[in-house]
C-alpha atoms as a PDB file:
ATOM      1  CA  MET A   1       0.000   0.000   0.000  1.00  0.00           C
ATOM      2  CA  GLN A   2       1.314   3.430  -0.939  1.00  0.00           C
ATOM      3  CA  LYS A   3       2.229   5.749   1.891  1.00  0.00           C
ATOM      4  CA  TYR A   4       0.330   9.022   1.746  1.00  0.00           C
ATOM      5  CA  GLU A   5       0.759  12.321   3.546  1.00  0.00           C
ATOM      6  CA  LYS A   6      -1.726  12.439   6.416  1.00  0.00           C
ATOM      7  CA  ALA A   7      -3.948  15.342   7.409  1.00  0.00           C
ATOM      8  CA  GLU A   8      -2.383  16.865  10.521  1.00  0.00           C
ATOM      9  CA  ARG A   9      -5.282  19.370  10.766  1.00  0.00           C
ATOM     10  CA  PRO A  10      -8.871  18.983   9.582  1.00  0.00           C
ATOM     11  CA  GLU A  11      -8.292  21.704   6.965  1.00  0.00           C
ATOM     12  CA  ASP A  12      -5.457  19.684   5.385  1.00  0.00           C
ATOM     13  CA  ILE A  13      -7.936  17.203   3.920  1.00  0.00           C
ATOM     14  CA  THR A  14      -9.278  19.677   1.362  1.00  0.00           C
ATOM     15  CA  ARG A  15      -5.767  20.473   0.086  1.00  0.00           C
ATOM     16  CA  LEU A  16      -4.854  16.778  -0.075  1.00  0.00           C
ATOM     17  CA  PHE A  17      -8.104  16.021  -1.879  1.00  0.00           C
ATOM     18  CA  VAL A  18      -7.372  18.644  -4.566  1.00  0.00           C
ATOM     19  CA  GLU A  19      -3.773  17.431  -5.022  1.00  0.00           C
ATOM     20  CA  ARG A  20      -4.710  13.757  -5.291  1.00  0.00           C
ATOM     21  CA  SER A  21      -7.769  14.329  -7.488  1.00  0.00           C
ATOM     22  CA  ASN A  22      -5.795  16.454  -9.933  1.00  0.00           C
ATOM     23  CA  ALA A  23      -3.162  13.688 -10.043  1.00  0.00           C
ATOM     24  CA  GLY A  24      -5.896  11.156 -10.909  1.00  0.00           C
ATOM     25  CA  ASP A  25      -5.160   9.198  -7.701  1.00  0.00           C
ATOM     26  CA  ALA A  26      -8.483   7.617  -6.649  1.00  0.00           C
ATOM     27  CA  ALA A  27      -6.779   5.412  -4.031  1.00  0.00           C
ATOM     28  CA  GLY A  28      -5.146   8.517  -2.557  1.00  0.00           C
ATOM     29  CA  VAL A  29      -8.497  10.298  -2.398  1.00  0.00           C
ATOM     30  CA  ALA A  30     -10.098   7.248  -0.729  1.00  0.00           C
ATOM     31  CA  ALA A  31      -7.256   7.189   1.832  1.00  0.00           C
ATOM     32  CA  LEU A  32      -8.664  10.482   3.174  1.00  0.00           C
ATOM     33  CA  TYR A  33     -11.767   8.612   4.416  1.00  0.00           C
ATOM     34  CA  GLU A  34     -12.363   6.259   7.342  1.00  0.00           C
ATOM     35  CA  GLU A  35     -13.126   2.631   6.405  1.00  0.00           C
ATOM     36  CA  ASP A  36     -16.888   3.073   6.973  1.00  0.00           C
ATOM     37  CA  ALA A  37     -17.206   6.667   5.744  1.00  0.00           C
ATOM     38  CA  VAL A  38     -20.385   7.844   4.032  1.00  0.00           C
ATOM     39  CA  MET A  39     -20.361  10.158   1.041  1.00  0.00           C
ATOM     40  CA  ALA A  40     -23.536  11.832  -0.271  1.00  0.00           C
ATOM     41  CA  TYR A  41     -22.657  11.320  -3.918  1.00  0.00           C
ATOM     42  CA  PRO A  42     -23.768  10.821  -6.639  1.00  0.00           C
ATOM     43  CA  PRO A  43     -26.663  13.251  -6.104  1.00  0.00           C
ATOM     44  CA  GLY A  44     -29.568  11.571  -4.364  1.00  0.00           C
ATOM     45  CA  ARG A  45     -27.507   8.518  -3.371  1.00  0.00           C
ATOM     46  CA  LEU A  46     -24.967   7.463  -0.761  1.00  0.00           C
ATOM     47  CA  THR A  47     -21.597   5.839  -1.312  1.00  0.00           C
ATOM     48  CA  VAL A  48     -20.617   3.861   1.796  1.00  0.00           C
ATOM     49  CA  GLY A  49     -17.152   2.591   2.714  1.00  0.00           C
ATOM     50  CA  ARG A  50     -13.638   3.421   1.595  1.00  0.00           C
ATOM     51  CA  ASP A  51     -13.604   0.764  -1.143  1.00  0.00           C
ATOM     52  CA  ALA A  52     -16.852   2.060  -2.682  1.00  0.00           C
ATOM     53  CA  ILE A  53     -15.557   5.623  -2.401  1.00  0.00           C
ATOM     54  CA  ARG A  54     -12.346   4.612  -4.213  1.00  0.00           C
ATOM     55  CA  ASP A  55     -14.398   2.910  -6.969  1.00  0.00           C
ATOM     56  CA  LEU A  56     -16.546   6.027  -7.349  1.00  0.00           C
ATOM     57  CA  TRP A  57     -13.499   8.311  -7.590  1.00  0.00           C
ATOM     58  CA  GLU A  58     -11.884   6.008 -10.174  1.00  0.00           C
ATOM     59  CA  LYS A  59     -14.904   6.628 -12.416  1.00  0.00           C
ATOM     60  CA  VAL A  60     -15.037  10.379 -11.722  1.00  0.00           C
ATOM     61  CA  LEU A  61     -11.293  10.895 -12.170  1.00  0.00           C
ATOM     62  CA  ALA A  62     -11.229   8.908 -15.428  1.00  0.00           C
ATOM     63  CA  ASN A  63     -12.695  12.050 -17.016  1.00  0.00           C
ATOM     64  CA  ARG A  64      -9.712  14.056 -15.703  1.00  0.00           C
ATOM     65  CA  PRO A  65     -11.684  16.852 -14.004  1.00  0.00           C
ATOM     66  CA  ARG A  66      -9.659  19.753 -12.641  1.00  0.00           C
ATOM     67  CA  PHE A  67     -10.240  20.847  -9.046  1.00  0.00           C
ATOM     68  CA  GLU A  68      -9.266  24.246  -7.693  1.00  0.00           C
ATOM     69  CA  PRO A  69      -8.663  24.955  -4.010  1.00  0.00           C
ATOM     70  CA  GLU A  70     -11.506  26.830  -2.346  1.00  0.00           C
ATOM     71  CA  PRO A  71     -11.076  29.078   0.695  1.00  0.00           C
ATOM     72  CA  PRO A  72     -12.343  27.217   3.770  1.00  0.00           C
ATOM     73  CA  LEU A  73     -15.046  28.450   6.065  1.00  0.00           C
ATOM     74  CA  PRO A  74     -14.055  28.381   9.765  1.00  0.00           C
ATOM     75  CA  THR A  75     -13.571  24.845  11.073  1.00  0.00           C
ATOM     76  CA  LEU A  76     -15.703  23.814  14.037  1.00  0.00           C
ATOM     77  CA  ILE A  77     -13.977  21.382  16.424  1.00  0.00           C
ATOM     78  CA  SER A  78     -15.471  19.525  19.377  1.00  0.00           C
ATOM     79  CA  GLY A  79     -13.063  17.015  20.877  1.00  0.00           C
ATOM     80  CA  ASP A  80     -12.152  14.488  18.200  1.00  0.00           C
ATOM     81  CA  ILE A  81     -14.832  15.589  15.724  1.00  0.00           C
ATOM     82  CA  ALA A  82     -14.624  18.540  13.356  1.00  0.00           C
ATOM     83  CA  LEU A  83     -16.811  20.101  10.684  1.00  0.00           C
ATOM     84  CA  THR A  84     -15.040  21.528   7.652  1.00  0.00           C
ATOM     85  CA  SER A  85     -16.732  23.322   4.790  1.00  0.00           C
ATOM     86  CA  THR A  86     -16.058  25.437   1.744  1.00  0.00           C
ATOM     87  CA  PRO A  87     -18.293  27.725  -0.286  1.00  0.00           C
ATOM     88  CA  PRO A  88     -18.192  26.683  -3.950  1.00  0.00           C
ATOM     89  CA  ARG A  89     -16.951  29.277  -6.415  1.00  0.00           C
ATOM     90  CA  ASP A  90     -20.304  29.382  -8.177  1.00  0.00           C
ATOM     91  CA  GLY A  91     -21.998  30.445  -4.928  1.00  0.00           C
ATOM     92  CA  ALA A  92     -24.561  27.627  -5.092  1.00  0.00           C
ATOM     93  CA  GLY A  93     -24.939  25.545  -1.947  1.00  0.00           C
ATOM     94  CA  ALA A  94     -21.968  24.469   0.149  1.00  0.00           C
ATOM     95  CA  ARG A  95     -19.595  21.565   0.669  1.00  0.00           C
ATOM     96  CA  ALA A  96     -19.291  20.112   4.165  1.00  0.00           C
ATOM     97  CA  GLN A  97     -17.376  17.268   5.774  1.00  0.00           C
ATOM     98  CA  VAL A  98     -17.306  15.737   9.232  1.00  0.00           C
ATOM     99  CA  VAL A  99     -13.828  14.524  10.108  1.00  0.00           C
ATOM    100  CA  ARG A 100     -12.561  12.532  13.080  1.00  0.00           C
ATOM    101  CA  ARG A 101      -9.204  12.601  14.834  1.00  0.00           C
ATOM    102  CA  GLN A 102      -7.491   9.235  14.520  1.00  0.00           C
ATOM    103  CA  PRO A 103      -5.477   7.509  17.275  1.00  0.00           C
ATOM    104  CA  ASP A 104      -2.247   8.874  15.716  1.00  0.00           C
ATOM    105  CA  GLY A 105      -3.602  12.458  15.897  1.00  0.00           C
ATOM    106  CA  THR A 106      -4.287  12.819  12.168  1.00  0.00           C
ATOM    107  CA  TRP A 107      -7.744  13.365  10.648  1.00  0.00           C
ATOM    108  CA  LEU A 108      -9.964  11.413   8.229  1.00  0.00           C
ATOM    109  CA  ARG A 109     -13.378  12.114   6.724  1.00  0.00           C
ATOM    110  CA  VAL A 110     -16.346  10.293   8.230  1.00  0.00           C
ATOM    111  CA  LEU A 111     -19.190  12.077   6.409  1.00  0.00           C
ATOM    112  CA  ASP A 112     -18.854  13.959   3.140  1.00  0.00           C
ATOM    113  CA  GLN A 113     -21.476  16.204   1.566  1.00  0.00           C
ATOM    114  CA  PRO A 114     -19.598  17.275  -1.575  1.00  0.00           C
ATOM    115  CA  GLU A 115     -22.320  19.599  -2.785  1.00  0.00           C
ATOM    116  CA  PHE A 116     -25.408  20.726  -0.934  1.00  0.00           C
ATOM    117  CA  VAL A 117     -27.883  22.603  -3.020  1.00  0.00           C
ATOM    118  CA  PRO A 118     -30.764  24.035  -1.016  1.00  0.00           C
ATOM    119  CA  PRO A 119     -34.197  22.947  -2.263  1.00  0.00           C
ATOM    120  CA  ALA A 120     -35.969  25.397  -4.530  1.00  0.00           C
ATOM    121  CA  ARG A 121     -38.649  27.471  -2.788  1.00  0.00           C
END
C-alpha cells in the first residue's frame, strides 16, 4: 500500500483532496476517508465505505476533471470531531465534511457532503 501524507489538521484534507484528485489518484483520495465513511454522492444517493468511495473516484477521475482549491469556512472542532466546509466558487450551496481525529492524531473524513444545493422554494 502506498504511503500518503496524512492530514495533521482537519483543513489539510481539502488540500490533499485537490492534489490527489488532480493527479488522478483515486486510491489517494479514498485514503482520506475512514473505512466506513459515508459520502452523499452521486446526487440523491450514498456511497458507503472506503472501497466504494475509491471505486466512485476512479470513475469520476477517469474524465480528468480539474479541481481548484476553495477558501475554507471556519472549522468547528469539538473534541475528536470537526466540521469543515467550503463555499463553492459558483456560490450555489456548500460543501461540508465531518472529520474525526485518529489515534495517531491525524484526521480522516467520516461524512462527506460534496455539494449541498438548497431545495428550490
